[in-house]
Amino acid sequence: MQGLEFPRPDAEVIRTLARASTATLQSILKRMGIHRIWMPLYPLEKGMTCVGPALTIRSVPGREDIAPTAYAPETLFPGHPDEAIEAIQPGDIVVLDGRGAMGEGLFGDLLTRRMKAQGAAGSVSDMGVRDSARILEVGLPTFSRGPASPGGSVYNVDFNVPIGCAGVLVCPGDLVAADDDGSVVVPRGMVGAVIDEVMVAEDREDFTRLQLDAGESLDGLYPMGPHWEERFRAWRRESLNR
């Protein structure tokens, strides 16, 4: 089943969110009362990052009697999420629920190559990935439970529907950010508020670094107390007016 299409954010939204680490985004959302947004799904290689809207894929467990039809035309239990991959728009992050399966991987280098050709900005899957060396050659930021040799036994029955990925609700069009510390979901309806906080948070960290480099102590600076908060706000106003 294919869910409804969703609006993609403009490039400036993505650029702004990309300024923030997943740690910063998690802290911002926590202050807003949203706690269950971090997924312990890590990059295949350190330094990989991606930010973009989630194109979701829902999978169900495999079963031996259905396996012969998994790659038949018009099957209800597809072994590969071909339709979902063909629906990718440039900048999408492909998010697969994967059921937490660490002993198998659905995405290997061939599916990854097609995702990249379609313009995907990355993939996040709650299971293993195969052919890890070749995925690195493809160069698509890939986040998962880790490398695995066995192929996936799941059936990929729906896409662009709400899924549970690593215990977190991911809806189509939610923004996903991923880096060395894992993967974070930014609810689509909260993106504007989060962006405002990202800009303040990143500027606050820049200000704090400047003060530490100038020899200031951590006392009242980190975490920031009222005295330094007032000085930071004045510095920020001056910076924005330049």
Protein backbone atom coordinates (compact mmCIF):
# COMPACT_ATOMS: atom_id res chain seq x y z
CA MET A 1 0.00 0.00 0.00
CA GLN A 2 1.20 3.48 -0.83
CA GLY A 3 0.33 6.26 1.57
CA LEU A 4 -0.35 9.85 0.61
CA GLU A 5 2.40 12.05 -0.78
CA PHE A 6 3.79 14.68 1.59
CA PRO A 7 5.23 18.17 1.05
CA ARG A 8 9.01 18.46 1.05
CA PRO A 9 10.72 21.37 2.87
CA ASP A 10 12.71 23.92 0.95
CA ALA A 11 16.49 23.84 0.81
CA GLU A 12 16.94 26.59 3.42
CA VAL A 13 15.09 24.52 6.03
CA ILE A 14 17.43 21.59 5.39
CA ARG A 15 20.52 23.80 5.50
CA THR A 16 19.46 25.30 8.84
CA LEU A 17 18.74 21.93 10.45
CA ALA A 18 22.04 20.60 9.12
CA ARG A 19 23.82 23.20 11.28
CA ALA A 20 22.73 21.31 14.39
CA SER A 21 24.03 17.99 15.67
CA THR A 22 21.58 15.28 16.65
CA ALA A 23 22.56 16.01 20.26
CA THR A 24 21.45 19.63 19.85
CA LEU A 25 18.20 18.63 18.14
CA GLN A 26 17.43 16.09 20.86
CA SER A 27 18.01 18.71 23.56
CA ILE A 28 15.81 21.26 21.78
CA LEU A 29 12.93 18.81 21.37
CA LYS A 30 13.29 17.64 24.95
CA ARG A 31 12.80 21.22 26.14
CA MET A 32 9.64 21.28 24.01
CA GLY A 33 8.35 18.16 25.77
CA ILE A 34 9.15 15.70 22.97
CA HIS A 35 11.34 12.88 24.29
CA ARG A 36 10.93 9.79 22.10
CA ILE A 37 12.70 10.94 18.97
CA TRP A 38 16.21 9.41 19.18
CA MET A 39 17.00 6.14 17.36
CA PRO A 40 20.21 4.20 18.15
CA LEU A 41 20.96 3.69 14.46
CA TYR A 42 24.53 4.59 13.55
CA PRO A 43 26.54 5.36 10.42
CA LEU A 44 28.28 2.67 8.45
CA GLU A 45 31.35 4.91 8.56
CA LYS A 46 32.15 7.68 11.05
CA GLY A 47 31.55 11.15 9.75
CA MET A 48 28.48 10.31 7.67
CA THR A 49 25.62 12.78 8.11
CA CYS A 50 22.26 13.37 6.48
CA VAL A 51 19.17 15.54 6.95
CA GLY A 52 15.92 15.29 5.01
CA PRO A 53 12.25 14.33 4.93
CA ALA A 54 11.42 10.71 5.73
CA LEU A 55 10.11 8.42 3.03
CA THR A 56 8.99 5.51 5.22
CA ILE A 57 8.84 1.78 4.50
CA ARG A 58 6.91 -0.65 6.70
CA SER A 59 8.05 -4.27 6.80
CA VAL A 60 6.55 -7.40 8.33
CA PRO A 61 8.28 -10.65 9.33
CA GLY A 62 8.93 -13.25 6.67
CA ARG A 63 7.28 -16.66 6.59
CA GLU A 64 8.40 -19.72 4.63
CA ASP A 65 5.10 -20.46 2.88
CA ILE A 66 5.00 -16.93 1.42
CA ALA A 67 8.66 -16.77 0.41
CA PRO A 68 8.12 -18.20 -3.13
CA THR A 69 5.91 -15.20 -4.00
CA ALA A 70 8.18 -12.51 -2.59
CA TYR A 71 9.56 -11.55 -6.00
CA ALA A 72 6.54 -12.41 -8.13
CA PRO A 73 4.79 -9.61 -10.06
CA GLU A 74 1.99 -7.85 -8.16
CA THR A 75 2.78 -9.75 -4.96
CA LEU A 76 1.27 -8.48 -1.72
CA PHE A 77 4.49 -9.41 0.09
CA PRO A 78 7.40 -7.81 -1.83
CA GLY A 79 10.88 -8.95 -0.93
CA HIS A 80 12.34 -5.65 -2.17
CA PRO A 81 10.72 -2.23 -1.69
CA ASP A 82 10.92 -1.39 -5.40
CA GLU A 83 7.85 0.88 -5.47
CA ALA A 84 9.10 2.86 -2.48
CA ILE A 85 12.53 3.33 -4.04
CA GLU A 86 11.01 4.52 -7.30
CA ALA A 87 8.93 7.07 -5.33
CA ILE A 88 12.04 8.74 -3.82
CA GLN A 89 12.38 12.43 -4.55
CA PRO A 90 15.73 14.26 -4.34
CA GLY A 91 16.70 14.90 -0.73
CA ASP A 92 14.53 12.18 0.84
CA ILE A 93 15.82 9.98 3.66
CA VAL A 94 14.60 6.39 3.25
CA VAL A 95 13.51 5.12 6.68
CA LEU A 96 12.84 1.38 7.09
CA ASP A 97 11.29 -0.06 10.24
CA GLY A 98 13.24 -3.34 9.92
CA ARG A 99 11.87 -4.72 13.23
CA GLY A 100 15.27 -4.37 14.92
CA ALA A 101 16.68 -7.41 13.09
CA MET A 102 20.44 -7.38 13.64
CA GLY A 103 21.13 -10.75 12.01
CA GLU A 104 20.07 -9.75 8.50
CA GLY A 105 20.10 -6.79 6.15
CA LEU A 106 17.69 -5.65 3.46
CA PHE A 107 19.65 -2.74 2.03
CA GLY A 108 22.80 -3.78 0.19
CA ASP A 109 24.82 -2.00 -2.44
CA LEU A 110 22.39 -2.63 -5.32
CA LEU A 111 19.32 -1.15 -3.62
CA THR A 112 21.55 1.60 -2.24
CA ARG A 113 22.80 2.43 -5.73
CA ARG A 114 19.25 2.83 -6.96
CA MET A 115 18.31 4.98 -3.96
CA LYS A 116 21.24 7.27 -4.66
CA ALA A 117 20.37 7.45 -8.37
CA GLN A 118 16.88 8.57 -7.37
CA GLY A 119 18.38 11.38 -5.33
CA ALA A 120 18.07 10.03 -1.78
CA ALA A 121 20.09 11.94 0.81
CA GLY A 122 20.54 8.85 3.01
CA SER A 123 18.97 5.73 4.47
CA VAL A 124 18.09 4.84 8.05
CA SER A 125 17.07 1.24 8.77
CA ASP A 126 16.23 -0.56 11.98
CA MET A 127 18.13 -3.68 10.95
CA GLY A 128 21.50 -4.56 9.47
CA VAL A 129 22.86 -3.66 6.04
CA ARG A 130 24.68 -5.93 3.60
CA ASP A 131 27.66 -5.45 1.28
CA SER A 132 28.96 -2.70 3.53
CA ALA A 133 32.22 -2.16 1.63
CA ARG A 134 30.32 -1.62 -1.60
CA ILE A 135 27.79 0.67 0.09
CA LEU A 136 30.75 2.81 1.13
CA GLU A 137 31.79 2.94 -2.52
CA VAL A 138 28.30 4.18 -3.44
CA GLY A 139 28.72 7.02 -0.95
CA LEU A 140 25.14 7.27 0.31
CA PRO A 141 25.05 8.06 4.07
CA THR A 142 23.75 4.81 5.57
CA PHE A 143 22.57 4.33 9.16
CA SER A 144 21.55 0.98 10.63
CA ARG A 145 22.08 -1.61 13.38
CA GLY A 146 25.40 -2.49 11.72
CA PRO A 147 26.80 -4.74 8.98
CA ALA A 148 25.26 -8.18 8.37
CA SER A 149 25.93 -10.93 5.84
CA PRO A 150 22.50 -12.65 5.62
CA GLY A 151 19.89 -11.15 3.33
CA GLY A 152 16.65 -9.70 4.64
CA SER A 153 13.73 -12.05 5.23
CA VAL A 154 11.18 -9.26 5.70
CA TYR A 155 8.35 -8.31 3.37
CA ASN A 156 8.05 -4.63 2.51
CA VAL A 157 4.32 -4.19 2.42
CA ASP A 158 3.69 -0.41 2.76
CA PHE A 159 5.44 2.87 2.15
CA ASN A 160 4.70 6.49 2.98
CA VAL A 161 2.80 5.34 6.07
CA PRO A 162 3.56 5.88 9.77
CA ILE A 163 6.08 3.33 11.04
CA GLY A 164 7.84 2.39 14.24
CA CYS A 165 11.61 2.60 13.72
CA ALA A 166 13.84 1.60 16.64
CA GLY A 167 10.95 2.28 18.98
CA VAL A 168 10.24 5.74 17.56
CA LEU A 169 7.22 6.89 15.56
CA VAL A 170 8.26 8.19 12.14
CA CYS A 171 5.59 9.72 9.91
CA PRO A 172 6.07 10.44 6.21
CA GLY A 173 7.53 13.91 5.84
CA ASP A 174 8.96 14.11 9.36
CA LEU A 175 12.51 15.38 9.13
CA VAL A 176 15.27 12.96 10.02
CA ALA A 177 18.78 13.99 10.99
CA ALA A 178 21.57 11.47 11.50
CA ASP A 179 25.23 11.67 12.51
CA ASP A 180 27.79 9.77 14.60
CA ASP A 181 25.52 9.96 17.68
CA GLY A 182 22.59 8.23 16.00
CA SER A 183 19.40 9.37 14.28
CA VAL A 184 16.75 11.86 15.40
CA VAL A 185 13.20 12.54 14.18
CA VAL A 186 11.93 16.13 14.04
CA PRO A 187 8.10 16.04 13.83
CA ARG A 188 6.97 17.79 10.66
CA GLY A 189 4.60 20.13 12.50
CA MET A 190 7.39 21.35 14.81
CA VAL A 191 10.05 22.12 12.20
CA GLY A 192 9.53 25.89 12.26
CA ALA A 193 9.87 26.13 16.03
CA VAL A 194 12.88 23.81 16.03
CA ILE A 195 14.64 25.86 13.36
CA ASP A 196 14.26 29.02 15.47
CA GLU A 197 15.81 27.19 18.42
CA VAL A 198 18.59 25.71 16.28
CA MET A 199 19.73 29.15 15.23
CA VAL A 200 19.77 30.39 18.83
CA ALA A 201 21.46 27.22 20.12
CA GLU A 202 24.19 27.27 17.48
CA ASP A 203 24.86 30.97 18.10
CA ARG A 204 25.00 30.33 21.86
CA GLU A 205 27.62 27.62 21.34
CA ASP A 206 29.65 29.93 19.09
CA PHE A 207 29.50 32.64 21.78
CA THR A 208 30.50 30.15 24.48
CA ARG A 209 33.49 28.99 22.44
CA LEU A 210 34.61 32.59 21.99
CA GLN A 211 34.46 33.18 25.73
CA LEU A 212 36.33 29.97 26.57
CA ASP A 213 39.00 30.80 23.99
CA ALA A 214 39.33 34.20 25.67
CA GLY A 215 40.09 32.48 28.98
CA GLU A 216 36.72 32.65 30.74
CA SER A 217 35.88 29.87 33.20
CA LEU A 218 32.90 27.53 32.85
CA ASP A 219 31.27 28.99 35.97
CA GLY A 220 27.94 30.48 34.86
CA LEU A 221 28.95 30.20 31.22
CA TYR A 222 28.24 26.53 30.62
CA PRO A 223 25.49 25.86 31.50
CA MET A 224 24.69 29.50 30.87
CA GLY A 225 23.42 31.52 33.82
CA PRO A 226 21.50 34.82 33.77
CA HIS A 227 24.61 37.05 33.60
CA TRP A 228 26.10 35.30 30.57
CA GLU A 229 22.66 34.84 28.98
CA GLU A 230 22.19 38.61 29.00
CA ARG A 231 25.63 39.12 27.47
CA PHE A 232 24.93 36.44 24.87
CA ARG A 233 21.64 38.07 23.85
CA ALA A 234 23.36 41.43 23.45
CA TRP A 235 26.16 39.82 21.39
CA ARG A 236 23.60 38.05 19.22
CA ARG A 237 21.58 41.22 18.59
CA GLU A 238 24.74 43.02 17.59
CA SER A 239 25.79 40.15 15.30
CA LEU A 240 22.39 40.05 13.58
CA ASN A 241 22.46 43.80 12.98
CA ARG A 242 25.83 43.77 11.26
